[in-house]
PDB file of N, CA and C in Angstrom:
ATOM      1  N   MET A   1      70.356  49.851  50.201  1.00  0.00           N
ATOM      2  CA  MET A   1      71.798  49.607  50.169  1.00  0.00           C
ATOM      3  C   MET A   1      72.124  48.122  50.378  1.00  0.00           C
ATOM      4  N   LYS A   2      71.350  47.431  51.222  1.00  0.00           N
ATOM      5  CA  LYS A   2      71.623  46.016  51.469  1.00  0.00           C
ATOM      6  C   LYS A   2      71.468  45.190  50.198  1.00  0.00           C
ATOM      7  N   ARG A   3      70.444  45.508  49.425  1.00  0.00           N
ATOM      8  CA  ARG A   3      70.211  44.773  48.181  1.00  0.00           C
ATOM      9  C   ARG A   3      71.363  44.997  47.205  1.00  0.00           C
ATOM     10  N   GLU A   4      71.868  46.228  47.148  1.00  0.00           N
ATOM     11  CA  GLU A   4      72.994  46.539  46.266  1.00  0.00           C
ATOM     12  C   GLU A   4      74.247  45.783  46.704  1.00  0.00           C
ATOM     13  N   LEU A   5      74.510  45.720  48.016  1.00  0.00           N
ATOM     14  CA  LEU A   5      75.676  44.979  48.515  1.00  0.00           C
ATOM     15  C   LEU A   5      75.566  43.500  48.173  1.00  0.00           C
ATOM     16  N   THR A   6      74.377  42.937  48.286  1.00  0.00           N
ATOM     17  CA  THR A   6      74.172  41.531  47.933  1.00  0.00           C
ATOM     18  C   THR A   6      74.554  41.307  46.472  1.00  0.00           C
ATOM     19  N   LYS A   7      74.154  42.210  45.581  1.00  0.00           N
ATOM     20  CA  LYS A   7      74.473  42.082  44.154  1.00  0.00           C
ATOM     21  C   LYS A   7      75.959  42.279  43.888  1.00  0.00           C
ATOM     22  N   ILE A   8      76.572  43.269  44.535  1.00  0.00           N
ATOM     23  CA  ILE A   8      77.992  43.573  44.321  1.00  0.00           C
ATOM     24  C   ILE A   8      78.883  42.419  44.769  1.00  0.00           C
ATOM     25  N   LEU A   9      78.572  41.807  45.909  1.00  0.00           N
ATOM     26  CA  LEU A   9      79.410  40.733  46.448  1.00  0.00           C
ATOM     27  C   LEU A   9      79.374  39.473  45.593  1.00  0.00           C
ATOM     28  N   LYS A  10      78.270  39.245  44.888  1.00  0.00           N
ATOM     29  CA  LYS A  10      78.131  38.080  44.006  1.00  0.00           C
ATOM     30  C   LYS A  10      78.481  36.775  44.720  1.00  0.00           C
ATOM     31  N   LEU A  11      77.958  36.604  45.927  1.00  0.00           N
ATOM     32  CA  LEU A  11      78.151  35.367  46.674  1.00  0.00           C
ATOM     33  C   LEU A  11      76.863  34.553  46.567  1.00  0.00           C
ATOM     34  N   PRO A  12      76.889  33.459  45.814  1.00  0.00           N
ATOM     35  CA  PRO A  12      75.670  32.672  45.629  1.00  0.00           C
ATOM     36  C   PRO A  12      75.108  32.197  46.966  1.00  0.00           C
ATOM     37  N   GLY A  13      73.814  32.368  47.153  1.00  0.00           N
ATOM     38  CA  GLY A  13      73.164  31.877  48.357  1.00  0.00           C
ATOM     39  C   GLY A  13      73.331  32.744  49.586  1.00  0.00           C
ATOM     40  N   VAL A  14      73.876  33.958  49.428  1.00  0.00           N
ATOM     41  CA  VAL A  14      74.118  34.844  50.574  1.00  0.00           C
ATOM     42  C   VAL A  14      73.366  36.159  50.385  1.00  0.00           C
ATOM     43  N   ILE A  15      72.672  36.581  51.437  1.00  0.00           N
ATOM     44  CA  ILE A  15      71.932  37.842  51.434  1.00  0.00           C
ATOM     45  C   ILE A  15      72.509  38.739  52.521  1.00  0.00           C
ATOM     46  N   VAL A  16      72.811  39.986  52.191  1.00  0.00           N
ATOM     47  CA  VAL A  16      73.306  40.949  53.181  1.00  0.00           C
ATOM     48  C   VAL A  16      72.109  41.464  53.978  1.00  0.00           C
ATOM     49  N   LYS A  17      72.141  41.270  55.307  1.00  0.00           N
ATOM     50  CA  LYS A  17      71.050  41.700  56.182  1.00  0.00           C
ATOM     51  C   LYS A  17      71.296  43.096  56.748  1.00  0.00           C
ATOM     52  N   SER A  18      72.558  43.405  57.073  1.00  0.00           N
ATOM     53  CA  SER A  18      72.875  44.735  57.598  1.00  0.00           C
ATOM     54  C   SER A  18      74.349  45.023  57.384  1.00  0.00           C
ATOM     55  N   LYS A  19      74.699  46.307  57.491  1.00  0.00           N
ATOM     56  CA  LYS A  19      76.107  46.704  57.382  1.00  0.00           C
ATOM     57  C   LYS A  19      76.401  47.767  58.421  1.00  0.00           C
ATOM     58  N   LYS A  20      77.658  47.782  58.863  1.00  0.00           N
ATOM     59  CA  LYS A  20      78.104  48.772  59.836  1.00  0.00           C
ATOM     60  C   LYS A  20      79.535  49.144  59.476  1.00  0.00           C
ATOM     61  N   GLU A  21      79.841  50.421  59.494  1.00  0.00           N
ATOM     62  CA  GLU A  21      81.196  50.891  59.215  1.00  0.00           C
ATOM     63  C   GLU A  21      81.800  51.435  60.501  1.00  0.00           C
ATOM     64  N   ILE A  22      82.965  50.902  60.863  1.00  0.00           N
ATOM     65  CA  ILE A  22      83.703  51.376  62.030  1.00  0.00           C
ATOM     66  C   ILE A  22      85.119  51.673  61.560  1.00  0.00           C
ATOM     67  N   GLU A  23      85.469  52.957  61.561  1.00  0.00           N
ATOM     68  CA  GLU A  23      86.760  53.425  61.043  1.00  0.00           C
ATOM     69  C   GLU A  23      86.962  52.884  59.632  1.00  0.00           C
ATOM     70  N   LYS A  24      87.966  52.047  59.408  1.00  0.00           N
ATOM     71  CA  LYS A  24      88.244  51.512  58.069  1.00  0.00           C
ATOM     72  C   LYS A  24      87.721  50.086  57.900  1.00  0.00           C
ATOM     73  N   THR A  25      86.823  49.663  58.772  1.00  0.00           N
ATOM     74  CA  THR A  25      86.309  48.297  58.741  1.00  0.00           C
ATOM     75  C   THR A  25      84.828  48.289  58.381  1.00  0.00           C
ATOM     76  N   LEU A  26      84.453  47.418  57.467  1.00  0.00           N
ATOM     77  CA  LEU A  26      83.062  47.232  57.090  1.00  0.00           C
ATOM     78  C   LEU A  26      82.605  45.895  57.670  1.00  0.00           C
ATOM     79  N   ILE A  27      81.581  45.925  58.505  1.00  0.00           N
ATOM     80  CA  ILE A  27      81.051  44.720  59.128  1.00  0.00           C
ATOM     81  C   ILE A  27      79.713  44.405  58.471  1.00  0.00           C
ATOM     82  N   LEU A  28      79.613  43.206  57.905  1.00  0.00           N
ATOM     83  CA  LEU A  28      78.384  42.786  57.244  1.00  0.00           C
ATOM     84  C   LEU A  28      77.740  41.655  58.024  1.00  0.00           C
ATOM     85  N   GLU A  29      76.433  41.744  58.215  1.00  0.00           N
ATOM     86  CA  GLU A  29      75.660  40.630  58.754  1.00  0.00           C
ATOM     87  C   GLU A  29      75.004  39.980  57.549  1.00  0.00           C
ATOM     88  N   VAL A  30      75.302  38.711  57.327  1.00  0.00           N
ATOM     89  CA  VAL A  30      74.773  38.012  56.160  1.00  0.00           C
ATOM     90  C   VAL A  30      73.943  36.811  56.597  1.00  0.00           C
ATOM     91  N   GLU A  31      73.124  36.340  55.661  1.00  0.00           N
ATOM     92  CA  GLU A  31      72.246  35.208  55.937  1.00  0.00           C
ATOM     93  C   GLU A  31      72.188  34.346  54.688  1.00  0.00           C
ATOM     94  N   ALA A  32      72.120  33.042  54.877  1.00  0.00           N
ATOM     95  CA  ALA A  32      71.965  32.135  53.739  1.00  0.00           C
ATOM     96  C   ALA A  32      70.558  32.272  53.179  1.00  0.00           C
ATOM     97  N   SER A  33      70.437  32.253  51.867  1.00  0.00           N
ATOM     98  CA  SER A  33      69.114  32.364  51.249  1.00  0.00           C
ATOM     99  C   SER A  33      68.357  31.037  51.289  1.00  0.00           C
ATOM    100  N   SER A  34      69.071  29.948  51.476  1.00  0.00           N
ATOM    101  CA  SER A  34      68.455  28.626  51.552  1.00  0.00           C
ATOM    102  C   SER A  34      68.107  28.288  53.002  1.00  0.00           C
ATOM    103  N   LYS A  35      67.027  27.579  53.193  1.00  0.00           N
ATOM    104  CA  LYS A  35      66.617  27.158  54.537  1.00  0.00           C
ATOM    105  C   LYS A  35      67.310  25.865  54.957  1.00  0.00           C
ATOM    106  N   ILE A  36      67.957  25.177  54.011  1.00  0.00           N
ATOM    107  CA  ILE A  36      68.654  23.924  54.289  1.00  0.00           C
ATOM    108  C   ILE A  36      70.097  24.074  53.824  1.00  0.00           C
ATOM    109  N   ALA A  37      71.042  23.574  54.639  1.00  0.00           N
ATOM    110  CA  ALA A  37      72.456  23.670  54.274  1.00  0.00           C
ATOM    111  C   ALA A  37      73.240  22.532  54.912  1.00  0.00           C
ATOM    112  N   CYS A  38      74.444  22.341  54.412  1.00  0.00           N
ATOM    113  CA  CYS A  38      75.355  21.356  54.977  1.00  0.00           C
ATOM    114  C   CYS A  38      76.136  22.023  56.106  1.00  0.00           C
ATOM    115  N   CYS A  39      76.106  21.423  57.290  1.00  0.00           N
ATOM    116  CA  CYS A  39      76.827  21.969  58.439  1.00  0.00           C
ATOM    117  C   CYS A  39      78.330  21.848  58.187  1.00  0.00           C
ATOM    118  N   PRO A  40      79.087  22.951  58.296  1.00  0.00           N
ATOM    119  CA  PRO A  40      80.532  22.873  58.071  1.00  0.00           C
ATOM    120  C   PRO A  40      81.253  22.083  59.162  1.00  0.00           C
ATOM    121  N   GLY A  41      80.628  21.924  60.317  1.00  0.00           N
ATOM    122  CA  GLY A  41      81.247  21.177  61.417  1.00  0.00           C
ATOM    123  C   GLY A  41      81.073  19.676  61.290  1.00  0.00           C
ATOM    124  N   CYS A  42      79.818  19.221  61.123  1.00  0.00           N
ATOM    125  CA  CYS A  42      79.532  17.780  61.107  1.00  0.00           C
ATOM    126  C   CYS A  42      79.265  17.233  59.702  1.00  0.00           C
ATOM    127  N   GLN A  43      79.172  18.111  58.705  1.00  0.00           N
ATOM    128  CA  GLN A  43      78.949  17.733  57.304  1.00  0.00           C
ATOM    129  C   GLN A  43      77.582  17.105  57.040  1.00  0.00           C
ATOM    130  N   LYS A  44      76.621  17.266  57.949  1.00  0.00           N
ATOM    131  CA  LYS A  44      75.278  16.727  57.744  1.00  0.00           C
ATOM    132  C   LYS A  44      74.347  17.833  57.249  1.00  0.00           C
ATOM    133  N   VAL A  45      73.407  17.456  56.379  1.00  0.00           N
ATOM    134  CA  VAL A  45      72.411  18.405  55.897  1.00  0.00           C
ATOM    135  C   VAL A  45      71.444  18.683  57.039  1.00  0.00           C
ATOM    136  N   SER A  46      71.153  19.964  57.252  1.00  0.00           N
ATOM    137  CA  SER A  46      70.302  20.341  58.377  1.00  0.00           C
ATOM    138  C   SER A  46      69.462  21.564  58.032  1.00  0.00           C
ATOM    139  N   ASP A  47      68.316  21.674  58.686  1.00  0.00           N
ATOM    140  CA  ASP A  47      67.491  22.874  58.564  1.00  0.00           C
ATOM    141  C   ASP A  47      67.499  23.653  59.877  1.00  0.00           C
ATOM    142  N   ARG A  48      68.438  23.306  60.768  1.00  0.00           N
ATOM    143  CA  ARG A  48      68.558  23.976  62.062  1.00  0.00           C
ATOM    144  C   ARG A  48      69.961  24.552  62.242  1.00  0.00           C
ATOM    145  N   LEU A  49      70.047  25.567  63.053  1.00  0.00           N
ATOM    146  CA  LEU A  49      71.323  26.197  63.368  1.00  0.00           C
ATOM    147  C   LEU A  49      72.079  25.342  64.376  1.00  0.00           C
ATOM    148  N   HIS A  50      73.296  24.917  64.027  1.00  0.00           N
ATOM    149  CA  HIS A  50      74.121  24.125  64.937  1.00  0.00           C
ATOM    150  C   HIS A  50      75.006  25.009  65.797  1.00  0.00           C
ATOM    151  N   ARG A  51      75.504  26.081  65.198  1.00  0.00           N
ATOM    152  CA  ARG A  51      76.483  26.926  65.881  1.00  0.00           C
ATOM    153  C   ARG A  51      76.312  28.348  65.381  1.00  0.00           C
ATOM    154  N   LEU A  52      76.459  29.286  66.286  1.00  0.00           N
ATOM    155  CA  LEU A  52      76.333  30.694  65.934  1.00  0.00           C
ATOM    156  C   LEU A  52      77.569  31.421  66.427  1.00  0.00           C
ATOM    157  N   GLY A  53      78.131  32.271  65.593  1.00  0.00           N
ATOM    158  CA  GLY A  53      79.297  33.035  66.016  1.00  0.00           C
ATOM    159  C   GLY A  53      79.772  33.953  64.916  1.00  0.00           C
ATOM    160  N   ALA A  54      80.585  34.890  65.294  1.00  0.00           N
ATOM    161  CA  ALA A  54      81.140  35.843  64.331  1.00  0.00           C
ATOM    162  C   ALA A  54      82.298  35.199  63.584  1.00  0.00           C
ATOM    163  N   ARG A  55      82.456  35.578  62.348  1.00  0.00           N
ATOM    164  CA  ARG A  55      83.574  35.115  61.527  1.00  0.00           C
ATOM    165  C   ARG A  55      84.394  36.329  61.132  1.00  0.00           C
ATOM    166  N   SER A  56      85.699  36.164  61.078  1.00  0.00           N
ATOM    167  CA  SER A  56      86.582  37.258  60.709  1.00  0.00           C
ATOM    168  C   SER A  56      87.422  36.822  59.518  1.00  0.00           C
ATOM    169  N   HIS A  57      87.530  37.689  58.534  1.00  0.00           N
ATOM    170  CA  HIS A  57      88.260  37.355  57.316  1.00  0.00           C
ATOM    171  C   HIS A  57      89.250  38.462  56.971  1.00  0.00           C
ATOM    172  N   ALA A  58      90.109  38.171  56.009  1.00  0.00           N
ATOM    173  CA  ALA A  58      91.105  39.145  55.567  1.00  0.00           C
ATOM    174  C   ALA A  58      90.418  40.360  54.955  1.00  0.00           C
ATOM    175  N   PRO A  59      91.044  41.506  55.028  1.00  0.00           N
ATOM    176  CA  PRO A  59      90.477  42.718  54.428  1.00  0.00           C
ATOM    177  C   PRO A  59      90.285  42.556  52.920  1.00  0.00           C
ATOM    178  N   ALA A  60      89.338  43.295  52.378  1.00  0.00           N
ATOM    179  CA  ALA A  60      89.101  43.275  50.934  1.00  0.00           C
ATOM    180  C   ALA A  60      90.368  43.690  50.204  1.00  0.00           C
ATOM    181  N   GLY A  61      90.688  43.003  49.147  1.00  0.00           N
ATOM    182  CA  GLY A  61      91.889  43.316  48.386  1.00  0.00           C
ATOM    183  C   GLY A  61      93.129  42.625  48.932  1.00  0.00           C
ATOM    184  N   GLY A  62      92.986  41.920  50.052  1.00  0.00           N
ATOM    185  CA  GLY A  62      94.091  41.166  50.618  1.00  0.00           C
ATOM    186  C   GLY A  62      95.116  41.973  51.390  1.00  0.00           C
ATOM    187  N   ALA A  63      94.929  43.284  51.491  1.00  0.00           N
ATOM    188  CA  ALA A  63      95.895  44.122  52.211  1.00  0.00           C
ATOM    189  C   ALA A  63      95.746  43.927  53.715  1.00  0.00           C
ATOM    190  N   VAL A  64      96.844  43.681  54.379  1.00  0.00           N
ATOM    191  CA  VAL A  64      96.838  43.520  55.832  1.00  0.00           C
ATOM    192  C   VAL A  64      97.641  44.653  56.437  1.00  0.00           C
ATOM    193  N   SER A  65      97.024  45.370  57.368  1.00  0.00           N
ATOM    194  CA  SER A  65      97.740  46.505  57.974  1.00  0.00           C
ATOM    195  C   SER A  65      98.377  46.116  59.286  1.00  0.00           C
TER     196      SER A  65
END
């Protein structure tokens, strides 16, 4: 199922690691497929994790309850 979600989402460079459904909410744990990335905080290219934390986004389809 994780591989199918990765294909369905069509997010370049993102791999779905796990999924969890709680009521009407789908929680995805994702990982970058690249070992090197630009840090969104300091804008420097890095191969190390600068910050770890959960991100929250709008519901799929843009509907807000």
